[in-house]
N, C-alpha and C. Protein backbone atom coordinates (compact mmCIF):
# COMPACT_ATOMS: atom_id res chain seq x y z
N MET A 1 -1.74 24.00 -54.68
CA MET A 1 -1.44 22.51 -54.96
C MET A 1 -0.79 21.91 -53.72
N SER A 2 0.07 22.69 -53.13
CA SER A 2 0.72 22.10 -51.88
C SER A 2 -0.21 21.82 -50.85
N LYS A 3 -1.21 22.78 -50.62
CA LYS A 3 -2.22 22.61 -49.53
C LYS A 3 -3.03 21.33 -49.77
N ARG A 4 -3.42 21.15 -51.10
CA ARG A 4 -4.21 20.04 -51.46
C ARG A 4 -3.49 18.65 -51.13
N ILE A 5 -2.28 18.70 -51.20
CA ILE A 5 -1.39 17.50 -50.86
C ILE A 5 -1.15 17.30 -49.42
N LEU A 6 -0.93 18.49 -48.77
CA LEU A 6 -0.62 18.44 -47.22
C LEU A 6 -1.99 18.07 -46.41
N LEU A 7 -3.08 18.61 -46.81
CA LEU A 7 -4.27 18.33 -46.05
C LEU A 7 -4.58 16.78 -45.96
N PRO A 8 -4.64 16.07 -47.20
CA PRO A 8 -4.81 14.51 -46.89
C PRO A 8 -3.80 13.80 -46.08
N ILE A 9 -2.51 14.36 -46.32
CA ILE A 9 -1.45 13.83 -45.51
C ILE A 9 -1.72 14.03 -43.91
N GLY A 10 -2.14 15.19 -43.69
CA GLY A 10 -2.33 15.62 -42.27
C GLY A 10 -3.55 14.65 -41.65
N PHE A 11 -4.67 14.48 -42.44
CA PHE A 11 -5.72 13.72 -42.01
C PHE A 11 -5.28 12.30 -41.79
N LEU A 12 -4.39 11.71 -42.72
CA LEU A 12 -3.88 10.35 -42.60
C LEU A 12 -3.09 10.17 -41.32
N GLY A 13 -2.29 11.24 -41.01
CA GLY A 13 -1.45 11.24 -39.84
C GLY A 13 -2.25 11.16 -38.51
N VAL A 14 -3.37 11.97 -38.44
CA VAL A 14 -4.24 12.02 -37.22
C VAL A 14 -4.89 10.69 -37.24
N ALA A 15 -5.44 10.17 -38.38
CA ALA A 15 -6.10 8.85 -38.34
C ALA A 15 -5.21 7.76 -37.73
N TRP A 16 -3.92 7.88 -38.08
CA TRP A 16 -2.96 6.84 -37.68
C TRP A 16 -2.70 7.03 -36.18
N LEU A 17 -2.53 8.29 -35.69
CA LEU A 17 -2.20 8.46 -34.33
C LEU A 17 -3.31 8.13 -33.34
N ILE A 18 -4.55 8.27 -33.75
CA ILE A 18 -5.71 8.06 -32.78
C ILE A 18 -5.67 6.64 -32.45
N PRO A 19 -5.74 5.56 -33.31
CA PRO A 19 -5.68 4.27 -32.86
C PRO A 19 -4.44 3.88 -32.04
N ALA A 20 -3.27 4.52 -32.50
CA ALA A 20 -2.06 4.17 -31.71
C ALA A 20 -2.10 4.63 -30.18
N GLN A 21 -2.73 5.89 -30.11
CA GLN A 21 -2.88 6.48 -28.71
C GLN A 21 -3.89 5.56 -27.90
N ALA A 22 -4.97 5.18 -28.60
CA ALA A 22 -6.03 4.26 -27.95
C ALA A 22 -5.35 2.91 -27.52
N GLN A 23 -4.55 2.38 -28.35
CA GLN A 23 -3.81 1.12 -27.94
C GLN A 23 -3.01 1.38 -26.73
N GLU A 24 -2.20 2.48 -26.73
CA GLU A 24 -1.41 2.79 -25.60
C GLU A 24 -2.29 2.83 -24.34
N LEU A 25 -3.48 3.48 -24.40
CA LEU A 25 -4.25 3.61 -23.18
C LEU A 25 -4.83 2.24 -22.73
N GLN A 26 -5.09 1.37 -23.74
CA GLN A 26 -5.54 0.10 -23.32
C GLN A 26 -4.47 -0.61 -22.59
N GLN A 27 -3.15 -0.40 -22.90
CA GLN A 27 -2.13 -1.21 -22.15
C GLN A 27 -1.82 -0.55 -20.86
N LEU A 28 -2.37 0.58 -20.57
CA LEU A 28 -2.02 1.25 -19.27
C LEU A 28 -3.11 0.92 -18.26
N THR A 29 -2.62 0.65 -17.01
CA THR A 29 -3.59 0.46 -15.81
C THR A 29 -3.14 1.34 -14.68
N PHE A 30 -4.19 1.79 -14.10
CA PHE A 30 -3.91 2.91 -12.94
C PHE A 30 -4.98 2.62 -11.90
N ALA A 31 -4.68 2.81 -10.62
CA ALA A 31 -5.63 2.58 -9.50
C ALA A 31 -5.28 3.70 -8.46
N ILE A 32 -6.43 4.08 -7.75
CA ILE A 32 -6.17 5.00 -6.60
C ILE A 32 -7.32 4.76 -5.63
N GLY A 33 -7.14 4.61 -4.34
CA GLY A 33 -8.18 4.37 -3.43
C GLY A 33 -7.72 4.55 -2.03
N GLY A 34 -8.58 4.33 -1.01
CA GLY A 34 -8.29 4.41 0.30
C GLY A 34 -9.23 3.46 1.18
N GLY A 35 -9.05 3.29 2.37
CA GLY A 35 -9.86 2.42 3.21
C GLY A 35 -9.36 2.34 4.60
N ILE A 36 -9.43 1.20 5.16
CA ILE A 36 -9.03 0.91 6.45
C ILE A 36 -7.98 -0.31 6.58
N SER A 37 -7.14 -0.25 7.52
CA SER A 37 -6.24 -1.33 7.74
C SER A 37 -6.34 -2.08 9.11
N ALA A 38 -6.57 -3.27 9.05
CA ALA A 38 -6.77 -3.97 10.35
C ALA A 38 -5.51 -4.85 10.57
N PRO A 39 -4.84 -4.57 11.78
CA PRO A 39 -3.58 -5.16 12.13
C PRO A 39 -3.84 -6.70 12.58
N LEU A 40 -2.80 -7.59 12.36
CA LEU A 40 -2.82 -8.90 12.77
C LEU A 40 -1.78 -9.18 13.82
N ASN A 41 -1.80 -10.21 14.41
CA ASN A 41 -0.73 -10.53 15.44
C ASN A 41 0.59 -10.82 14.73
N PRO A 42 1.70 -10.23 15.22
CA PRO A 42 1.97 -9.58 16.49
C PRO A 42 1.70 -8.00 16.50
N THR A 43 1.47 -7.52 15.25
CA THR A 43 1.27 -6.03 15.11
C THR A 43 0.08 -5.55 16.01
N SER A 44 -0.99 -6.37 16.06
CA SER A 44 -2.11 -5.88 16.77
C SER A 44 -1.96 -5.76 18.28
N ARG A 45 -0.79 -6.24 18.81
CA ARG A 45 -0.45 -6.07 20.27
C ARG A 45 -0.18 -4.59 20.51
N TYR A 46 0.14 -3.86 19.49
CA TYR A 46 0.66 -2.54 19.67
C TYR A 46 -0.20 -1.52 18.86
N VAL A 47 -0.98 -1.99 17.78
CA VAL A 47 -1.53 -1.07 16.91
C VAL A 47 -3.10 -1.38 16.75
N GLY A 48 -3.80 -0.29 16.49
CA GLY A 48 -5.28 -0.33 16.30
C GLY A 48 -5.62 -0.24 14.87
N VAL A 49 -6.83 -0.21 14.54
CA VAL A 49 -7.36 0.01 13.16
C VAL A 49 -7.11 1.35 12.67
N SER A 50 -6.72 1.60 11.50
CA SER A 50 -6.40 2.91 11.01
C SER A 50 -6.86 3.08 9.51
N GLY A 51 -6.48 4.09 8.85
CA GLY A 51 -6.74 4.43 7.53
C GLY A 51 -5.60 4.10 6.67
N ASN A 52 -5.84 3.96 5.30
CA ASN A 52 -4.79 3.77 4.37
C ASN A 52 -5.08 4.42 3.02
N PHE A 53 -4.05 4.63 2.21
CA PHE A 53 -4.19 5.27 0.91
C PHE A 53 -3.23 4.38 0.00
N VAL A 54 -3.78 4.15 -1.21
CA VAL A 54 -3.11 3.28 -2.17
C VAL A 54 -3.21 3.84 -3.51
N THR A 55 -2.05 3.82 -4.30
CA THR A 55 -2.17 4.24 -5.81
C THR A 55 -1.13 3.34 -6.45
N GLY A 56 -1.43 3.15 -7.75
CA GLY A 56 -0.41 2.29 -8.48
C GLY A 56 -0.73 2.56 -9.99
N VAL A 57 0.38 2.15 -10.71
CA VAL A 57 0.29 2.30 -12.26
C VAL A 57 1.08 1.04 -12.76
N GLY A 58 0.62 0.61 -13.88
CA GLY A 58 1.31 -0.44 -14.63
C GLY A 58 0.79 -0.69 -16.02
N VAL A 59 1.17 -1.93 -16.47
CA VAL A 59 0.79 -2.29 -17.90
C VAL A 59 -0.02 -3.51 -18.05
N ASN A 60 -0.92 -3.60 -18.91
CA ASN A 60 -1.62 -4.83 -19.14
C ASN A 60 -0.91 -5.68 -20.30
N ILE A 61 -0.49 -6.84 -19.85
CA ILE A 61 0.25 -7.67 -20.76
C ILE A 61 -0.77 -8.25 -21.84
N ASN A 62 -1.92 -8.54 -21.37
CA ASN A 62 -2.97 -8.84 -22.22
C ASN A 62 -4.31 -8.74 -21.44
N LYS A 63 -5.45 -9.21 -21.94
CA LYS A 63 -6.67 -8.92 -21.27
C LYS A 63 -6.89 -9.47 -19.93
N ASN A 64 -6.01 -10.37 -19.45
CA ASN A 64 -6.08 -10.95 -18.17
C ASN A 64 -4.91 -10.87 -17.24
N ASN A 65 -3.81 -10.39 -17.82
CA ASN A 65 -2.64 -10.27 -16.94
C ASN A 65 -2.03 -8.83 -16.95
N SER A 66 -1.69 -8.50 -15.83
CA SER A 66 -1.08 -7.17 -15.59
C SER A 66 0.13 -7.16 -14.68
N ILE A 67 1.06 -6.13 -14.96
CA ILE A 67 2.11 -5.93 -13.98
C ILE A 67 2.03 -4.56 -13.45
N GLU A 68 2.08 -4.32 -12.03
CA GLU A 68 1.95 -3.02 -11.56
C GLU A 68 2.93 -2.71 -10.54
N GLY A 69 3.17 -1.37 -10.28
CA GLY A 69 3.91 -0.77 -9.22
C GLY A 69 2.95 -0.09 -8.33
N ASP A 70 2.97 -0.44 -7.13
CA ASP A 70 1.99 0.13 -6.12
C ASP A 70 2.65 0.77 -4.91
N PHE A 71 2.09 1.90 -4.41
CA PHE A 71 2.49 2.58 -3.21
C PHE A 71 1.42 2.52 -2.23
N MET A 72 1.75 2.31 -0.99
CA MET A 72 0.55 2.33 -0.04
C MET A 72 1.22 3.17 1.29
N TRP A 73 0.26 3.94 1.94
CA TRP A 73 0.53 4.46 3.15
C TRP A 73 -0.54 3.83 4.14
N SER A 74 -0.11 3.49 5.32
CA SER A 74 -1.06 3.08 6.24
C SER A 74 -0.60 3.57 7.68
N GLY A 75 -1.56 4.09 8.43
CA GLY A 75 -1.32 4.61 9.72
C GLY A 75 -1.18 3.43 10.74
N LEU A 76 -0.32 3.58 11.67
CA LEU A 76 -0.05 2.54 12.81
C LEU A 76 -0.35 3.16 14.17
N PRO A 77 -1.51 3.53 14.44
CA PRO A 77 -1.80 4.21 15.73
C PRO A 77 -1.86 3.29 16.95
N PRO A 78 -1.50 3.77 18.11
CA PRO A 78 -1.46 2.83 19.21
C PRO A 78 -2.89 2.22 19.54
N SER A 79 -2.93 0.91 19.82
CA SER A 79 -4.22 0.39 20.04
C SER A 79 -4.85 0.82 21.38
N LEU A 80 -6.12 0.96 21.28
CA LEU A 80 -6.90 1.57 22.43
C LEU A 80 -7.50 0.31 23.21
N SER A 81 -7.41 -0.87 22.65
CA SER A 81 -7.91 -2.06 23.31
C SER A 81 -6.95 -2.91 24.03
N VAL A 82 -5.71 -2.48 24.02
CA VAL A 82 -4.65 -3.24 24.56
C VAL A 82 -4.00 -2.29 25.86
N LEU A 83 -3.85 -3.02 26.91
CA LEU A 83 -3.28 -2.19 28.17
C LEU A 83 -1.74 -2.10 27.99
N HIS A 84 -1.25 -0.96 27.89
CA HIS A 84 0.13 -0.69 27.71
C HIS A 84 0.73 -0.27 29.03
N PRO A 85 2.07 -0.51 29.19
CA PRO A 85 2.75 0.07 30.53
C PRO A 85 2.53 1.53 30.69
N ILE A 86 2.50 2.00 31.86
CA ILE A 86 2.14 3.29 32.28
C ILE A 86 3.23 4.25 31.70
N ASN A 87 4.46 3.84 31.58
CA ASN A 87 5.58 4.61 31.08
C ASN A 87 5.98 4.32 29.72
N ALA A 88 4.97 3.61 28.84
CA ALA A 88 5.21 3.30 27.44
C ALA A 88 5.41 4.62 26.65
N PRO A 89 6.22 4.55 25.62
CA PRO A 89 6.38 5.70 24.72
C PRO A 89 5.00 6.00 24.04
N SER A 90 5.07 7.33 23.61
CA SER A 90 3.80 7.91 22.87
C SER A 90 4.39 8.64 21.71
N GLY A 91 3.51 8.76 20.69
CA GLY A 91 3.92 9.27 19.43
C GLY A 91 3.09 8.90 18.30
N SER A 92 3.65 8.94 17.16
CA SER A 92 2.81 8.36 16.01
C SER A 92 3.77 7.43 15.16
N MET A 93 3.11 6.56 14.37
CA MET A 93 3.87 5.59 13.58
C MET A 93 3.12 5.34 12.19
N ASN A 94 3.77 5.30 11.13
CA ASN A 94 3.25 5.11 9.81
C ASN A 94 4.02 4.00 9.13
N LEU A 95 3.28 3.46 8.16
CA LEU A 95 3.87 2.38 7.27
C LEU A 95 3.86 2.98 5.77
N TYR A 96 4.94 2.82 5.18
CA TYR A 96 5.04 3.19 3.64
C TYR A 96 5.58 2.01 2.89
N THR A 97 4.89 1.70 1.89
CA THR A 97 5.33 0.55 1.11
C THR A 97 5.39 0.84 -0.42
N VAL A 98 6.40 0.16 -1.16
CA VAL A 98 6.47 0.19 -2.55
C VAL A 98 6.63 -1.22 -2.98
N ASN A 99 5.70 -1.64 -3.88
CA ASN A 99 5.61 -2.98 -4.33
C ASN A 99 5.49 -3.31 -5.78
N GLY A 100 6.08 -4.28 -6.30
CA GLY A 100 5.88 -4.74 -7.65
C GLY A 100 4.89 -5.92 -7.64
N ASP A 101 3.69 -5.77 -8.28
CA ASP A 101 2.71 -6.80 -8.12
C ASP A 101 2.25 -7.32 -9.49
N TYR A 102 1.78 -8.54 -9.43
CA TYR A 102 1.12 -9.24 -10.56
C TYR A 102 -0.29 -9.44 -10.35
N ARG A 103 -1.13 -9.05 -11.30
CA ARG A 103 -2.61 -9.11 -11.12
C ARG A 103 -3.29 -9.89 -12.30
N PHE A 104 -3.99 -10.97 -11.85
CA PHE A 104 -4.76 -11.71 -12.82
C PHE A 104 -6.19 -11.46 -12.64
N HIS A 105 -6.84 -11.02 -13.74
CA HIS A 105 -8.22 -10.33 -13.72
C HIS A 105 -9.10 -10.81 -14.77
N PHE A 106 -10.41 -10.83 -14.49
CA PHE A 106 -11.47 -10.96 -15.36
C PHE A 106 -12.37 -9.70 -15.31
N ASP A 107 -12.34 -8.91 -16.31
CA ASP A 107 -12.94 -7.52 -16.18
C ASP A 107 -14.48 -7.69 -16.40
N SER A 108 -14.93 -8.82 -17.05
CA SER A 108 -16.40 -8.98 -17.25
C SER A 108 -16.80 -10.49 -17.09
N ILE A 109 -17.46 -10.71 -15.96
CA ILE A 109 -17.87 -12.07 -15.68
C ILE A 109 -19.19 -12.42 -16.29
N GLY A 110 -19.20 -13.24 -17.30
CA GLY A 110 -20.47 -13.63 -17.97
C GLY A 110 -21.10 -12.45 -18.65
N GLY A 111 -20.26 -11.53 -19.29
CA GLY A 111 -20.81 -10.52 -20.04
C GLY A 111 -21.36 -9.37 -19.20
N THR A 112 -21.22 -9.33 -17.84
CA THR A 112 -21.83 -8.34 -16.89
C THR A 112 -20.77 -7.32 -16.71
N ILE A 113 -21.28 -6.30 -15.83
CA ILE A 113 -20.33 -5.16 -15.46
C ILE A 113 -19.47 -5.50 -14.24
N PHE A 114 -19.61 -6.78 -13.76
CA PHE A 114 -18.79 -7.15 -12.65
C PHE A 114 -17.59 -7.93 -13.03
N GLY A 115 -16.52 -7.71 -12.37
CA GLY A 115 -15.20 -8.43 -12.62
C GLY A 115 -14.54 -8.79 -11.29
N ALA A 116 -13.54 -9.61 -11.33
CA ALA A 116 -12.84 -10.10 -10.19
C ALA A 116 -11.35 -10.26 -10.59
N TYR A 117 -10.49 -10.26 -9.47
CA TYR A 117 -8.96 -10.37 -9.75
C TYR A 117 -8.39 -10.89 -8.37
N VAL A 118 -7.21 -11.46 -8.72
CA VAL A 118 -6.27 -11.79 -7.56
C VAL A 118 -5.05 -11.05 -7.81
N ILE A 119 -4.28 -10.63 -6.72
CA ILE A 119 -3.15 -9.82 -6.83
C ILE A 119 -2.14 -10.20 -5.87
N GLY A 120 -0.87 -10.15 -6.16
CA GLY A 120 0.11 -10.38 -5.17
C GLY A 120 1.51 -9.83 -5.56
N GLY A 121 2.47 -9.78 -4.66
CA GLY A 121 3.80 -9.28 -5.05
C GLY A 121 4.63 -9.03 -3.81
N GLY A 122 5.66 -8.26 -3.99
CA GLY A 122 6.48 -7.88 -2.73
C GLY A 122 7.38 -6.70 -3.09
N GLY A 123 8.02 -6.23 -2.08
CA GLY A 123 8.82 -4.98 -2.20
C GLY A 123 9.37 -4.48 -0.86
N TRP A 124 9.37 -3.23 -0.69
CA TRP A 124 9.98 -2.44 0.27
C TRP A 124 9.11 -1.94 1.35
N TYR A 125 9.18 -2.19 2.54
CA TYR A 125 8.28 -1.73 3.49
C TYR A 125 9.11 -0.93 4.65
N TYR A 126 8.66 0.38 4.84
CA TYR A 126 9.33 1.24 5.72
C TYR A 126 8.35 1.59 6.79
N ARG A 127 8.73 1.31 8.07
CA ARG A 127 7.90 1.60 9.25
C ARG A 127 8.67 2.73 9.94
N TYR A 128 7.90 3.94 10.02
CA TYR A 128 8.52 5.20 10.62
C TYR A 128 7.81 5.58 11.94
N ALA A 129 8.53 5.63 13.03
CA ALA A 129 7.93 6.00 14.28
C ALA A 129 8.54 7.43 14.71
N SER A 130 7.66 8.31 15.16
CA SER A 130 8.04 9.59 15.63
C SER A 130 7.59 9.72 17.09
N ILE A 131 8.58 9.78 18.07
CA ILE A 131 8.36 9.77 19.42
C ILE A 131 8.12 11.16 19.99
N SER A 132 7.03 11.28 20.90
CA SER A 132 6.76 12.55 21.47
C SER A 132 7.94 13.16 22.04
N LYS A 133 8.19 14.49 21.69
CA LYS A 133 9.52 15.06 22.23
C LYS A 133 9.53 15.31 23.62
N ASN A 134 8.39 15.12 24.34
CA ASN A 134 8.37 15.25 25.82
C ASN A 134 8.55 13.93 26.54
N TYR A 135 8.74 12.93 25.84
CA TYR A 135 8.87 11.57 26.34
C TYR A 135 10.28 11.21 26.69
N VAL A 136 10.59 10.88 27.88
CA VAL A 136 11.90 10.33 28.32
C VAL A 136 11.74 9.00 28.97
N VAL A 137 12.66 8.13 28.61
CA VAL A 137 12.41 6.71 29.27
C VAL A 137 12.92 6.89 30.79
N PRO A 138 11.96 6.46 31.71
CA PRO A 138 12.49 6.55 33.09
C PRO A 138 13.71 5.70 33.34
N PRO A 139 14.54 6.08 34.37
CA PRO A 139 15.68 5.21 34.58
C PRO A 139 15.17 3.90 35.12
N GLN A 140 15.95 2.76 34.87
CA GLN A 140 15.80 1.46 35.42
C GLN A 140 14.33 0.90 34.85
N THR A 141 13.94 1.18 33.72
CA THR A 141 12.81 0.72 33.03
C THR A 141 13.02 -0.62 32.42
N VAL A 142 12.36 -1.57 33.02
CA VAL A 142 12.43 -3.08 32.51
C VAL A 142 11.99 -3.08 31.14
N CYS A 143 12.95 -3.80 30.32
CA CYS A 143 12.62 -4.02 28.81
C CYS A 143 11.41 -4.87 28.59
N GLN A 144 10.59 -4.36 27.64
CA GLN A 144 9.35 -5.01 27.29
C GLN A 144 9.20 -4.94 25.75
N PRO A 145 8.54 -5.73 25.05
CA PRO A 145 8.49 -5.70 23.67
C PRO A 145 7.96 -4.47 23.13
N ILE A 146 7.09 -3.66 23.75
CA ILE A 146 6.67 -2.49 23.26
C ILE A 146 7.65 -1.40 23.04
N TYR A 147 8.79 -1.52 23.78
CA TYR A 147 9.95 -0.68 23.55
C TYR A 147 10.70 -0.89 22.28
N TYR A 148 10.82 -2.17 21.96
CA TYR A 148 11.34 -2.62 20.76
C TYR A 148 10.52 -2.07 19.57
N TRP A 149 9.18 -2.10 19.76
CA TRP A 149 8.25 -1.60 18.71
C TRP A 149 8.50 -0.16 18.45
N TRP A 150 8.72 0.56 19.37
CA TRP A 150 9.06 2.01 19.19
C TRP A 150 10.42 2.35 18.75
N GLY A 151 11.32 1.40 18.74
CA GLY A 151 12.67 1.56 18.21
C GLY A 151 13.67 1.66 19.35
N TYR A 152 13.40 1.37 20.59
CA TYR A 152 14.41 1.40 21.73
C TYR A 152 15.10 0.13 21.79
N GLY A 153 16.34 0.18 22.39
CA GLY A 153 17.09 -1.02 22.63
C GLY A 153 17.20 -1.31 24.04
N CYS A 154 17.63 -2.52 24.37
CA CYS A 154 17.74 -2.84 25.80
C CYS A 154 19.18 -3.28 26.14
N ASP A 155 19.67 -3.09 27.28
CA ASP A 155 21.13 -3.46 27.65
C ASP A 155 21.05 -4.97 28.07
N THR A 156 22.21 -5.45 28.56
CA THR A 156 22.35 -6.82 28.84
C THR A 156 21.73 -7.06 30.30
N SER A 157 21.56 -5.98 31.01
CA SER A 157 20.96 -6.18 32.28
C SER A 157 19.34 -6.28 32.24
N GLY A 158 18.78 -6.08 31.06
CA GLY A 158 17.33 -6.14 30.82
C GLY A 158 16.59 -4.86 31.05
N PHE A 159 17.31 -3.72 30.97
CA PHE A 159 16.70 -2.36 31.17
C PHE A 159 16.76 -1.67 29.72
N VAL A 160 15.87 -0.87 29.64
CA VAL A 160 15.82 -0.02 28.36
C VAL A 160 16.91 1.05 28.32
N TYR A 161 17.50 1.27 27.24
CA TYR A 161 18.47 2.42 27.13
C TYR A 161 17.74 3.64 27.39
N SER A 162 18.28 4.62 28.19
CA SER A 162 17.61 5.77 28.59
C SER A 162 17.84 6.83 27.55
N ALA A 163 18.63 6.60 26.47
CA ALA A 163 18.80 7.64 25.39
C ALA A 163 17.42 7.97 24.75
N THR A 164 17.39 9.35 24.51
CA THR A 164 16.14 9.73 23.82
C THR A 164 16.02 9.28 22.36
N VAL A 165 14.95 8.91 21.77
CA VAL A 165 14.75 8.48 20.46
C VAL A 165 13.60 9.53 19.88
N ALA A 166 14.15 10.40 19.09
CA ALA A 166 13.12 11.35 18.54
C ALA A 166 12.31 10.75 17.32
N TYR A 167 13.02 9.96 16.56
CA TYR A 167 12.29 9.22 15.37
C TYR A 167 13.09 7.91 15.17
N LYS A 168 12.50 6.94 14.57
CA LYS A 168 13.04 5.72 14.23
C LYS A 168 12.43 5.07 12.93
N GLY A 169 13.21 4.81 12.02
CA GLY A 169 12.75 4.19 10.76
C GLY A 169 13.39 2.75 10.59
N THR A 170 12.58 1.88 10.12
CA THR A 170 13.18 0.65 9.87
C THR A 170 12.71 0.07 8.46
N SER A 171 13.49 -0.39 7.69
CA SER A 171 13.16 -0.95 6.35
C SER A 171 13.12 -2.33 6.40
N ALA A 172 12.43 -3.10 5.51
CA ALA A 172 12.30 -4.60 5.57
C ALA A 172 11.68 -4.91 4.29
N ALA A 173 12.02 -6.15 3.85
CA ALA A 173 11.32 -6.81 2.78
C ALA A 173 9.96 -7.22 3.20
N GLY A 174 9.00 -7.31 2.27
CA GLY A 174 7.61 -7.77 2.54
C GLY A 174 6.92 -8.32 1.32
N LEU A 175 5.87 -9.01 1.66
CA LEU A 175 5.01 -9.60 0.67
C LEU A 175 3.54 -9.22 0.89
N ASN A 176 2.76 -9.33 -0.18
CA ASN A 176 1.27 -9.03 -0.08
C ASN A 176 0.65 -9.91 -1.11
N ALA A 177 -0.61 -10.41 -0.71
CA ALA A 177 -1.50 -11.15 -1.51
C ALA A 177 -2.87 -10.89 -1.22
N GLY A 178 -3.74 -10.83 -2.21
CA GLY A 178 -5.19 -10.64 -1.93
C GLY A 178 -6.07 -10.77 -3.10
N ALA A 179 -7.27 -10.25 -3.07
CA ALA A 179 -8.33 -10.39 -4.18
C ALA A 179 -9.12 -9.22 -4.10
N GLY A 180 -9.90 -9.04 -5.11
CA GLY A 180 -10.85 -7.88 -5.22
C GLY A 180 -11.92 -8.15 -6.27
N PHE A 181 -12.88 -7.23 -6.36
CA PHE A 181 -13.89 -7.24 -7.42
C PHE A 181 -13.96 -5.78 -8.02
N THR A 182 -14.54 -5.72 -9.18
CA THR A 182 -14.70 -4.45 -9.87
C THR A 182 -16.06 -4.35 -10.47
N ILE A 183 -16.46 -3.09 -10.60
CA ILE A 183 -17.79 -2.75 -11.34
C ILE A 183 -17.52 -1.72 -12.29
N LYS A 184 -17.85 -1.94 -13.67
CA LYS A 184 -17.50 -1.12 -14.70
C LYS A 184 -18.41 0.18 -14.56
N LEU A 185 -17.76 1.36 -14.82
CA LEU A 185 -18.35 2.61 -14.76
C LEU A 185 -18.46 3.06 -16.26
N GLY A 186 -19.41 2.76 -17.04
CA GLY A 186 -19.47 3.06 -18.48
C GLY A 186 -18.44 2.37 -19.30
N ASP A 187 -18.14 2.87 -20.41
CA ASP A 187 -17.35 2.06 -21.47
C ASP A 187 -15.94 2.73 -21.74
N LYS A 188 -15.48 3.60 -20.82
CA LYS A 188 -14.28 4.30 -21.01
C LYS A 188 -13.14 3.59 -20.37
N GLY A 189 -13.31 2.51 -19.67
CA GLY A 189 -12.10 1.80 -18.98
C GLY A 189 -12.18 1.96 -17.51
N TRP A 190 -13.01 2.88 -16.96
CA TRP A 190 -12.95 3.08 -15.47
C TRP A 190 -13.93 2.11 -14.74
N LYS A 191 -13.38 1.75 -13.53
CA LYS A 191 -14.09 0.75 -12.70
C LYS A 191 -14.05 1.26 -11.22
N PHE A 192 -15.08 0.94 -10.50
CA PHE A 192 -14.97 0.94 -9.04
C PHE A 192 -14.36 -0.34 -8.58
N TYR A 193 -13.58 -0.36 -7.56
CA TYR A 193 -12.97 -1.55 -7.05
C TYR A 193 -12.90 -1.66 -5.58
N ALA A 194 -13.01 -2.87 -5.03
CA ALA A 194 -12.83 -3.08 -3.64
C ALA A 194 -12.00 -4.29 -3.55
N GLU A 195 -11.00 -4.22 -2.59
CA GLU A 195 -10.07 -5.32 -2.43
C GLU A 195 -9.55 -5.40 -0.98
N SER A 196 -8.95 -6.56 -0.69
CA SER A 196 -8.34 -6.78 0.63
C SER A 196 -7.12 -7.53 0.33
N ARG A 197 -6.03 -7.28 1.03
CA ARG A 197 -4.70 -7.92 0.90
C ARG A 197 -4.12 -8.28 2.26
N TYR A 198 -3.48 -9.44 2.25
CA TYR A 198 -2.78 -9.72 3.49
C TYR A 198 -1.29 -9.31 3.22
N THR A 199 -0.90 -8.55 4.25
CA THR A 199 0.52 -7.86 4.14
C THR A 199 1.44 -8.27 5.23
N TYR A 200 2.61 -8.71 4.89
CA TYR A 200 3.60 -9.18 6.00
C TYR A 200 4.95 -8.60 5.61
N ALA A 201 5.65 -7.99 6.57
CA ALA A 201 7.05 -7.48 6.37
C ALA A 201 7.85 -8.04 7.40
N TRP A 202 9.08 -8.41 7.15
CA TRP A 202 10.01 -8.81 8.03
C TRP A 202 10.77 -7.69 8.86
N SER A 203 10.00 -6.91 9.49
CA SER A 203 10.64 -5.80 10.20
C SER A 203 11.42 -6.23 11.36
N ASN A 204 12.37 -5.30 11.68
CA ASN A 204 13.42 -5.61 12.73
C ASN A 204 12.65 -5.97 14.07
N ARG A 205 12.97 -7.17 14.78
CA ARG A 205 12.51 -7.59 15.97
C ARG A 205 11.00 -7.96 16.05
N ILE A 206 10.10 -7.04 15.49
CA ILE A 206 8.64 -7.27 15.54
C ILE A 206 8.23 -7.17 14.17
N PRO A 207 7.65 -8.21 13.52
CA PRO A 207 7.17 -8.14 12.11
C PRO A 207 5.92 -7.15 12.03
N THR A 208 5.89 -6.61 10.77
CA THR A 208 4.55 -5.73 10.51
C THR A 208 3.71 -6.57 9.66
N THR A 209 2.43 -6.88 10.19
CA THR A 209 1.43 -7.61 9.46
C THR A 209 0.12 -7.05 9.63
N LEU A 210 -0.72 -6.93 8.60
CA LEU A 210 -1.97 -6.26 8.57
C LEU A 210 -2.71 -6.66 7.29
N ILE A 211 -3.97 -6.29 7.32
CA ILE A 211 -4.79 -6.49 6.15
C ILE A 211 -5.55 -5.21 5.74
N PRO A 212 -5.01 -4.54 4.73
CA PRO A 212 -5.61 -3.28 4.30
C PRO A 212 -6.93 -3.66 3.39
N VAL A 213 -7.94 -3.03 3.66
CA VAL A 213 -9.22 -3.11 2.92
C VAL A 213 -9.37 -1.78 2.11
N THR A 214 -9.40 -1.84 0.83
CA THR A 214 -9.43 -0.62 -0.03
C THR A 214 -10.51 -0.47 -0.92
N PHE A 215 -10.99 0.71 -1.16
CA PHE A 215 -12.03 1.07 -2.03
C PHE A 215 -11.57 2.23 -3.01
N GLY A 216 -11.84 2.16 -4.29
CA GLY A 216 -11.32 3.14 -5.14
C GLY A 216 -11.74 3.11 -6.59
N LEU A 217 -11.09 3.76 -7.42
CA LEU A 217 -11.13 3.77 -8.96
C LEU A 217 -10.02 3.08 -9.58
N ARG A 218 -10.36 2.25 -10.56
CA ARG A 218 -9.30 1.67 -11.34
C ARG A 218 -9.52 1.91 -12.86
N PHE A 219 -8.51 2.22 -13.61
CA PHE A 219 -8.64 2.44 -15.06
C PHE A 219 -7.99 1.20 -15.65
N ASN A 220 -8.73 0.57 -16.59
CA ASN A 220 -8.38 -0.64 -17.21
C ASN A 220 -7.93 -1.66 -16.22
């Protein structure tokens, strides 16, 4: 008798949980992708084109509005098209960002598989430089902007401090804004997306500004 009672209760419980979980998934949004980053002036004076990686998660407020938290990594390699001083620093530099973003989107334009969106927000931008361990600033080196870019300071006489800098990190507030389009991949909520964003951070001495172009997968 107890089994006859428990089985219907169990089925009712499962029937209630499935729509509840489906509704939670509809509210969840997730994205992951990668692409290339093109620097803009003044960053382009020191940096060339590089790769990027982006991921984010958030919630859909309704069918057109979403709030997301995004992480991005972008390389900041030395530009090969700009002539640098012979004794300029060498090493590697990377940009890490954490942003809170708002996205306004149409997931289906005219009933098709194509969608479009605009996105923008702001957050924390961390530029990290790692100087080659074999590099030493020559004595009486005249101060130039590229030394500021790598994290060196200059004295009142206009010369670069000769102290060795193994690594240098600088944090700053920043903003981003852009647009993208999506293509539905079936009816499970997955989409291919492509987007570009203008990114600007008030980094110390020399701002960080670039346009990441990203391709990837988006859920909801």
